[in-house]
Amino acid sequence: METRILIVDDDPSIREIVKIMLKDYEVIEASNGREAVIIYKNLNPDIVLMDISMPEIDGVEATKEIMKINPKAVVIGLTAFSRTRGSELLSAGAVGIINKPFTRKILKETIEKFLAKPVV
């Protein structure tokens, strides 16, 4: 079964860039945290790439909601705000943070690391 990755970012150009970088995976997109929670509930992706600063529900709150659905969910922050809000995302349940801007290599290595490691 193909790995399913949910990209959550309010910037459509970021979602498009990440989608291109992850062409080897099945990619689903959400433009805000509320949409991400609904999609997570319905499609149960293997990994969620979560921006922090978004309208409606931010990435921290969306991560908390996703962790209520599945405490073993793999949420990775994808943000330019790691210095100021990264610890909030980690406290909400994210397993790691990728700082924007990032390279395809960093993105794929991080995803592969968490795919290979079973979350207990």
N, C-alpha and C. Protein backbone atom coordinates (compact mmCIF):
# COMPACT_ATOMS: atom_id res chain seq x y z
N MET A 1 0.84 -1.19 0.00
CA MET A 1 0.00 0.00 0.00
C MET A 1 0.88 1.25 0.00
N GLU A 2 0.50 2.20 -0.80
CA GLU A 2 1.29 3.42 -0.93
C GLU A 2 1.18 4.28 0.34
N THR A 3 2.30 4.90 0.69
CA THR A 3 2.32 5.81 1.83
C THR A 3 1.49 7.05 1.51
N ARG A 4 0.58 7.39 2.44
CA ARG A 4 -0.31 8.54 2.26
C ARG A 4 0.15 9.67 3.18
N ILE A 5 0.39 10.84 2.58
CA ILE A 5 0.87 12.00 3.34
C ILE A 5 -0.11 13.15 3.18
N LEU A 6 -0.50 13.74 4.31
CA LEU A 6 -1.38 14.90 4.33
C LEU A 6 -0.53 16.15 4.53
N ILE A 7 -0.60 17.07 3.56
CA ILE A 7 0.10 18.36 3.65
C ILE A 7 -0.92 19.40 4.11
N VAL A 8 -0.62 20.06 5.23
CA VAL A 8 -1.53 21.07 5.76
C VAL A 8 -0.81 22.42 5.77
N ASP A 9 -1.25 23.31 4.89
CA ASP A 9 -0.66 24.65 4.80
C ASP A 9 -1.66 25.57 4.13
N ASP A 10 -1.79 26.79 4.64
CA ASP A 10 -2.74 27.73 4.05
C ASP A 10 -2.22 28.36 2.76
N ASP A 11 -0.95 28.17 2.46
CA ASP A 11 -0.35 28.72 1.25
C ASP A 11 -0.37 27.67 0.13
N PRO A 12 -1.20 27.87 -0.91
CA PRO A 12 -1.28 26.87 -1.97
C PRO A 12 0.04 26.63 -2.69
N SER A 13 0.91 27.63 -2.77
CA SER A 13 2.20 27.43 -3.45
C SER A 13 3.10 26.50 -2.63
N ILE A 14 3.04 26.60 -1.32
CA ILE A 14 3.82 25.68 -0.46
C ILE A 14 3.29 24.25 -0.64
N ARG A 15 1.98 24.10 -0.61
CA ARG A 15 1.40 22.76 -0.81
C ARG A 15 1.83 22.18 -2.15
N GLU A 16 1.84 23.00 -3.18
CA GLU A 16 2.21 22.53 -4.52
C GLU A 16 3.69 22.11 -4.56
N ILE A 17 4.56 22.91 -3.97
CA ILE A 17 5.99 22.58 -3.93
C ILE A 17 6.23 21.27 -3.19
N VAL A 18 5.59 21.12 -2.03
CA VAL A 18 5.76 19.90 -1.24
C VAL A 18 5.20 18.70 -2.02
N LYS A 19 4.07 18.89 -2.67
CA LYS A 19 3.47 17.82 -3.47
C LYS A 19 4.44 17.36 -4.57
N ILE A 20 5.08 18.30 -5.22
CA ILE A 20 6.07 17.96 -6.26
C ILE A 20 7.25 17.22 -5.64
N MET A 21 7.72 17.70 -4.49
CA MET A 21 8.84 17.05 -3.80
C MET A 21 8.51 15.62 -3.39
N LEU A 22 7.22 15.37 -3.13
CA LEU A 22 6.79 14.06 -2.62
C LEU A 22 6.02 13.27 -3.67
N LYS A 23 6.43 13.40 -4.92
CA LYS A 23 5.71 12.73 -6.01
C LYS A 23 5.73 11.20 -5.89
N ASP A 24 6.61 10.66 -5.07
CA ASP A 24 6.68 9.21 -4.88
C ASP A 24 5.63 8.69 -3.89
N TYR A 25 4.86 9.59 -3.31
CA TYR A 25 3.87 9.22 -2.29
C TYR A 25 2.47 9.65 -2.75
N GLU A 26 1.46 9.08 -2.11
CA GLU A 26 0.10 9.58 -2.30
C GLU A 26 -0.05 10.81 -1.41
N VAL A 27 -0.37 11.95 -2.01
CA VAL A 27 -0.41 13.21 -1.26
C VAL A 27 -1.85 13.75 -1.24
N ILE A 28 -2.27 14.14 -0.04
CA ILE A 28 -3.56 14.77 0.17
C ILE A 28 -3.27 16.16 0.71
N GLU A 29 -4.13 17.13 0.40
CA GLU A 29 -3.89 18.49 0.85
C GLU A 29 -5.04 19.02 1.71
N ALA A 30 -4.67 19.88 2.67
CA ALA A 30 -5.64 20.63 3.47
C ALA A 30 -5.13 22.05 3.58
N SER A 31 -6.05 23.02 3.51
CA SER A 31 -5.65 24.43 3.53
C SER A 31 -5.74 25.07 4.92
N ASN A 32 -6.24 24.32 5.90
CA ASN A 32 -6.28 24.83 7.27
C ASN A 32 -6.42 23.67 8.25
N GLY A 33 -6.31 23.98 9.52
CA GLY A 33 -6.34 22.93 10.54
C GLY A 33 -7.66 22.21 10.64
N ARG A 34 -8.76 22.94 10.47
CA ARG A 34 -10.09 22.31 10.56
C ARG A 34 -10.25 21.25 9.46
N GLU A 35 -9.86 21.62 8.25
CA GLU A 35 -9.92 20.69 7.12
C GLU A 35 -9.00 19.48 7.39
N ALA A 36 -7.83 19.74 7.96
CA ALA A 36 -6.87 18.67 8.25
C ALA A 36 -7.45 17.63 9.20
N VAL A 37 -8.14 18.08 10.23
CA VAL A 37 -8.73 17.15 11.21
C VAL A 37 -9.79 16.28 10.54
N ILE A 38 -10.63 16.89 9.72
CA ILE A 38 -11.68 16.13 9.01
C ILE A 38 -11.05 15.10 8.06
N ILE A 39 -10.05 15.54 7.30
CA ILE A 39 -9.38 14.63 6.36
C ILE A 39 -8.68 13.51 7.12
N TYR A 40 -8.03 13.86 8.23
CA TYR A 40 -7.34 12.83 9.01
C TYR A 40 -8.34 11.77 9.49
N LYS A 41 -9.46 12.24 10.01
CA LYS A 41 -10.49 11.33 10.53
C LYS A 41 -10.98 10.38 9.44
N ASN A 42 -11.15 10.90 8.22
CA ASN A 42 -11.72 10.11 7.13
C ASN A 42 -10.70 9.24 6.38
N LEU A 43 -9.47 9.72 6.24
CA LEU A 43 -8.50 9.02 5.38
C LEU A 43 -7.30 8.43 6.11
N ASN A 44 -7.10 8.78 7.37
CA ASN A 44 -6.05 8.20 8.19
C ASN A 44 -4.69 8.14 7.48
N PRO A 45 -4.13 9.30 7.10
CA PRO A 45 -2.83 9.29 6.41
C PRO A 45 -1.71 8.77 7.32
N ASP A 46 -0.63 8.30 6.70
CA ASP A 46 0.51 7.77 7.45
C ASP A 46 1.29 8.88 8.15
N ILE A 47 1.38 10.03 7.49
CA ILE A 47 2.14 11.17 8.02
C ILE A 47 1.37 12.45 7.72
N VAL A 48 1.42 13.39 8.67
CA VAL A 48 0.84 14.71 8.47
C VAL A 48 1.97 15.73 8.53
N LEU A 49 2.10 16.55 7.49
CA LEU A 49 3.05 17.67 7.48
C LEU A 49 2.24 18.92 7.81
N MET A 50 2.47 19.49 9.00
CA MET A 50 1.59 20.51 9.56
C MET A 50 2.27 21.87 9.68
N ASP A 51 1.70 22.86 9.00
CA ASP A 51 2.12 24.24 9.21
C ASP A 51 1.56 24.69 10.57
N ILE A 52 2.14 25.72 11.15
CA ILE A 52 1.64 26.20 12.45
C ILE A 52 0.65 27.34 12.26
N SER A 53 1.05 28.36 11.54
CA SER A 53 0.25 29.58 11.44
C SER A 53 -0.74 29.47 10.28
N MET A 54 -2.02 29.23 10.63
CA MET A 54 -3.08 29.09 9.62
C MET A 54 -4.38 29.64 10.16
N PRO A 55 -5.31 30.00 9.25
CA PRO A 55 -6.62 30.48 9.70
C PRO A 55 -7.49 29.33 10.21
N GLU A 56 -8.59 29.69 10.83
CA GLU A 56 -9.59 28.78 11.39
C GLU A 56 -9.03 28.03 12.59
N ILE A 57 -8.28 26.97 12.38
CA ILE A 57 -7.61 26.28 13.49
C ILE A 57 -6.14 26.24 13.12
N ASP A 58 -5.26 26.71 14.02
CA ASP A 58 -3.83 26.69 13.70
C ASP A 58 -3.28 25.26 13.83
N GLY A 59 -2.03 25.10 13.47
CA GLY A 59 -1.41 23.78 13.47
C GLY A 59 -1.30 23.14 14.84
N VAL A 60 -1.13 23.94 15.87
CA VAL A 60 -1.03 23.40 17.23
C VAL A 60 -2.36 22.77 17.64
N GLU A 61 -3.45 23.51 17.45
CA GLU A 61 -4.77 22.99 17.82
C GLU A 61 -5.16 21.79 16.95
N ALA A 62 -4.85 21.87 15.66
CA ALA A 62 -5.17 20.75 14.76
C ALA A 62 -4.39 19.50 15.18
N THR A 63 -3.14 19.68 15.57
CA THR A 63 -2.34 18.54 16.02
C THR A 63 -2.95 17.92 17.28
N LYS A 64 -3.38 18.75 18.21
CA LYS A 64 -4.04 18.23 19.43
C LYS A 64 -5.27 17.40 19.07
N GLU A 65 -6.07 17.90 18.12
CA GLU A 65 -7.28 17.19 17.70
C GLU A 65 -6.93 15.87 17.01
N ILE A 66 -5.92 15.88 16.17
CA ILE A 66 -5.49 14.65 15.49
C ILE A 66 -4.98 13.64 16.50
N MET A 67 -4.27 14.09 17.52
CA MET A 67 -3.75 13.18 18.54
C MET A 67 -4.89 12.56 19.36
N LYS A 68 -6.02 13.27 19.49
CA LYS A 68 -7.19 12.69 20.17
C LYS A 68 -7.78 11.57 19.32
N ILE A 69 -7.75 11.74 18.01
CA ILE A 69 -8.26 10.72 17.09
C ILE A 69 -7.35 9.50 17.11
N ASN A 70 -6.03 9.76 17.05
CA ASN A 70 -5.05 8.68 17.03
C ASN A 70 -3.79 9.12 17.77
N PRO A 71 -3.62 8.67 19.01
CA PRO A 71 -2.44 9.07 19.79
C PRO A 71 -1.11 8.65 19.16
N LYS A 72 -1.16 7.75 18.17
CA LYS A 72 0.07 7.31 17.50
C LYS A 72 0.28 8.02 16.16
N ALA A 73 -0.51 9.04 15.88
CA ALA A 73 -0.39 9.78 14.62
C ALA A 73 1.02 10.37 14.50
N VAL A 74 1.52 10.39 13.28
CA VAL A 74 2.84 10.97 13.01
C VAL A 74 2.63 12.35 12.37
N VAL A 75 2.80 13.39 13.20
CA VAL A 75 2.66 14.77 12.74
C VAL A 75 4.04 15.41 12.77
N ILE A 76 4.43 15.98 11.65
CA ILE A 76 5.72 16.67 11.54
C ILE A 76 5.43 18.12 11.20
N GLY A 77 5.95 19.03 12.00
CA GLY A 77 5.77 20.45 11.73
C GLY A 77 6.55 20.86 10.50
N LEU A 78 5.96 21.73 9.72
CA LEU A 78 6.59 22.26 8.51
C LEU A 78 6.37 23.76 8.60
N THR A 79 7.33 24.48 9.20
CA THR A 79 7.03 25.85 9.58
C THR A 79 8.22 26.78 9.54
N ALA A 80 7.93 28.05 9.38
CA ALA A 80 8.94 29.10 9.49
C ALA A 80 8.97 29.65 10.92
N PHE A 81 8.06 29.15 11.76
CA PHE A 81 7.94 29.67 13.13
C PHE A 81 8.46 28.71 14.19
N SER A 82 9.43 27.87 13.84
CA SER A 82 9.89 26.87 14.79
C SER A 82 10.52 27.49 16.04
N ARG A 83 11.19 28.63 15.89
CA ARG A 83 11.81 29.26 17.05
C ARG A 83 10.78 29.74 18.05
N THR A 84 9.70 30.35 17.56
CA THR A 84 8.72 30.93 18.45
C THR A 84 7.62 29.97 18.86
N ARG A 85 7.23 29.03 17.97
CA ARG A 85 6.08 28.17 18.27
C ARG A 85 6.35 26.68 18.11
N GLY A 86 7.57 26.32 17.73
CA GLY A 86 7.89 24.91 17.52
C GLY A 86 7.66 24.06 18.74
N SER A 87 8.02 24.56 19.91
CA SER A 87 7.84 23.78 21.14
C SER A 87 6.35 23.53 21.43
N GLU A 88 5.50 24.48 21.04
CA GLU A 88 4.05 24.29 21.21
C GLU A 88 3.56 23.12 20.36
N LEU A 89 4.06 23.05 19.14
CA LEU A 89 3.66 21.98 18.24
C LEU A 89 4.15 20.63 18.77
N LEU A 90 5.38 20.60 19.25
CA LEU A 90 5.92 19.36 19.83
C LEU A 90 5.13 18.96 21.07
N SER A 91 4.76 19.92 21.90
CA SER A 91 3.96 19.63 23.10
C SER A 91 2.57 19.10 22.73
N ALA A 92 2.06 19.54 21.59
CA ALA A 92 0.75 19.09 21.12
C ALA A 92 0.79 17.65 20.61
N GLY A 93 2.00 17.14 20.33
CA GLY A 93 2.12 15.75 19.88
C GLY A 93 2.94 15.53 18.62
N ALA A 94 3.42 16.61 18.00
CA ALA A 94 4.25 16.43 16.80
C ALA A 94 5.53 15.70 17.16
N VAL A 95 6.03 14.90 16.22
CA VAL A 95 7.24 14.11 16.46
C VAL A 95 8.51 14.83 16.02
N GLY A 96 8.35 15.91 15.26
CA GLY A 96 9.52 16.64 14.78
C GLY A 96 9.10 17.90 14.06
N ILE A 97 10.10 18.71 13.70
CA ILE A 97 9.87 19.97 12.99
C ILE A 97 10.85 20.07 11.82
N ILE A 98 10.34 20.48 10.68
CA ILE A 98 11.18 20.82 9.54
C ILE A 98 11.03 22.32 9.33
N ASN A 99 12.15 23.02 9.33
CA ASN A 99 12.11 24.47 9.17
C ASN A 99 11.98 24.87 7.70
N LYS A 100 11.10 25.84 7.45
CA LYS A 100 11.01 26.44 6.12
C LYS A 100 12.08 27.51 6.03
N PRO A 101 12.75 27.67 4.92
CA PRO A 101 12.72 26.83 3.73
C PRO A 101 13.48 25.52 3.96
N PHE A 102 13.15 24.50 3.20
CA PHE A 102 13.78 23.19 3.36
C PHE A 102 14.06 22.61 1.98
N THR A 103 14.88 21.58 1.95
CA THR A 103 15.20 20.91 0.69
C THR A 103 14.40 19.62 0.57
N ARG A 104 14.30 19.11 -0.63
CA ARG A 104 13.63 17.83 -0.86
C ARG A 104 14.33 16.72 -0.07
N LYS A 105 15.64 16.79 -0.02
CA LYS A 105 16.43 15.78 0.70
C LYS A 105 16.05 15.75 2.19
N ILE A 106 15.99 16.90 2.82
CA ILE A 106 15.63 16.97 4.25
C ILE A 106 14.20 16.46 4.45
N LEU A 107 13.30 16.87 3.59
CA LEU A 107 11.91 16.45 3.70
C LEU A 107 11.78 14.94 3.59
N LYS A 108 12.38 14.37 2.55
CA LYS A 108 12.28 12.92 2.34
C LYS A 108 12.99 12.14 3.44
N GLU A 109 14.17 12.59 3.88
CA GLU A 109 14.88 11.90 4.96
C GLU A 109 14.06 11.89 6.24
N THR A 110 13.42 13.01 6.55
CA THR A 110 12.60 13.09 7.76
C THR A 110 11.40 12.16 7.66
N ILE A 111 10.73 12.17 6.54
CA ILE A 111 9.58 11.28 6.35
C ILE A 111 10.00 9.82 6.45
N GLU A 112 11.08 9.46 5.77
CA GLU A 112 11.55 8.08 5.80
C GLU A 112 11.94 7.65 7.21
N LYS A 113 12.53 8.56 7.97
CA LYS A 113 12.91 8.24 9.35
C LYS A 113 11.69 7.86 10.17
N PHE A 114 10.60 8.59 10.02
CA PHE A 114 9.41 8.31 10.82
C PHE A 114 8.58 7.17 10.25
N LEU A 115 8.69 6.88 8.97
CA LEU A 115 8.02 5.73 8.40
C LEU A 115 8.69 4.44 8.87
N ALA A 116 10.00 4.49 9.02
CA ALA A 116 10.76 3.29 9.39
C ALA A 116 10.65 2.98 10.87
N LYS A 117 10.30 3.97 11.67
CA LYS A 117 10.28 3.80 13.12
C LYS A 117 8.85 3.65 13.61
N PRO A 118 8.49 2.47 14.13
CA PRO A 118 7.13 2.31 14.64
C PRO A 118 6.93 3.21 15.87
N VAL A 119 5.81 3.91 15.90
CA VAL A 119 5.49 4.77 17.04
C VAL A 119 4.80 3.93 18.09
N VAL A 120 5.33 3.95 19.30
CA VAL A 120 4.78 3.10 20.38
C VAL A 120 3.90 3.92 21.30
